Amino acid sequence: MPWTEHNSLVQRRYRRKGTLQRMVRSYFDDCCCKGVYLLIHEDNQYFTINFNRSDASGSHFPPLDKDI
């Protein structure tokens, strides 16, 4: 597949996504917290993501790929 600016941006976004997943996992592992609330600002838009370990919540950790 030839390089395009779009492909480059997509690759960069997935690298950032992987970094976020590692940071959330590290935070859960290092802290005695029940949840992490992320506020992401990208391209003049805000995205919020809430991850928690509560068994009652039905959440998955690490978060499912589609949730990020």
Protein backbone atom coordinates (compact mmCIF):
# COMPACT_ATOMS: atom_id res chain seq x y z
CA MET A 1 0.00 0.00 0.00
CA PRO A 2 1.52 3.36 -0.95
CA TRP A 3 2.13 5.95 1.76
CA THR A 4 -0.50 8.64 2.08
CA GLU A 5 -0.97 11.42 4.59
CA HIS A 6 -4.17 9.71 5.74
CA ASN A 7 -2.35 6.41 6.36
CA SER A 8 0.29 8.26 8.35
CA LEU A 9 -2.35 9.92 10.54
CA VAL A 10 -4.13 6.60 11.10
CA GLN A 11 -0.86 4.93 12.14
CA ARG A 12 -0.09 7.79 14.52
CA ARG A 13 -3.57 7.54 16.06
CA TYR A 14 -3.15 3.79 16.68
CA ARG A 15 0.27 4.37 18.27
CA ARG A 16 -1.31 6.94 20.60
CA LYS A 17 -4.11 4.51 21.33
CA GLY A 18 -1.59 1.84 22.31
CA THR A 19 0.21 4.35 24.52
CA LEU A 20 -3.06 5.25 26.24
CA GLN A 21 -3.86 1.59 26.84
CA ARG A 22 -0.43 1.04 28.42
CA MET A 23 -0.79 4.16 30.58
CA VAL A 24 -4.23 3.10 31.84
CA ARG A 25 -2.98 -0.41 32.64
CA SER A 26 0.05 1.01 34.44
CA TYR A 27 -2.15 3.35 36.46
CA PHE A 28 -4.44 0.49 37.49
CA ASP A 29 -1.45 -1.69 38.41
CA ASP A 30 0.39 1.03 40.37
CA CYS A 31 -2.54 2.61 42.23
CA CYS A 32 -5.27 1.27 44.42
CA CYS A 33 -8.02 2.85 42.39
CA LYS A 34 -11.32 1.48 41.24
CA GLY A 35 -11.48 3.46 38.03
CA VAL A 36 -9.84 5.84 35.61
CA TYR A 37 -11.65 8.63 33.79
CA LEU A 38 -9.92 9.93 30.67
CA LEU A 39 -10.71 13.17 28.89
CA ILE A 40 -9.13 13.28 25.43
CA HIS A 41 -8.97 16.42 23.33
CA GLU A 42 -8.19 15.79 19.69
CA ASP A 43 -9.00 17.74 16.54
CA ASN A 44 -11.10 20.25 18.52
CA GLN A 45 -13.28 17.45 19.88
CA TYR A 46 -13.49 15.99 23.37
CA PHE A 47 -13.83 12.28 24.09
CA THR A 48 -14.44 10.80 27.51
CA ILE A 49 -13.70 7.23 28.50
CA ASN A 50 -14.32 5.66 31.89
CA PHE A 51 -12.58 2.41 32.84
CA ASN A 52 -13.16 0.64 36.12
CA ARG A 53 -12.51 -2.72 37.70
CA SER A 54 -15.78 -3.06 39.56
CA ASP A 55 -17.14 -6.56 39.01
CA ALA A 56 -20.66 -5.15 39.10
CA SER A 57 -20.02 -2.82 36.18
CA GLY A 58 -19.42 -5.55 33.63
CA SER A 59 -16.46 -3.56 32.30
CA HIS A 60 -13.49 -5.28 30.78
CA PHE A 61 -9.92 -4.56 31.72
CA PRO A 62 -7.91 -4.02 29.71
CA PRO A 63 -10.60 -2.13 27.82
CA LEU A 64 -11.87 -3.62 24.59
CA ASP A 65 -10.29 -2.13 21.48
CA LYS A 66 -13.62 -0.78 20.27
CA ASP A 67 -14.04 1.15 23.55
CA ILE A 68 -11.02 3.36 22.91
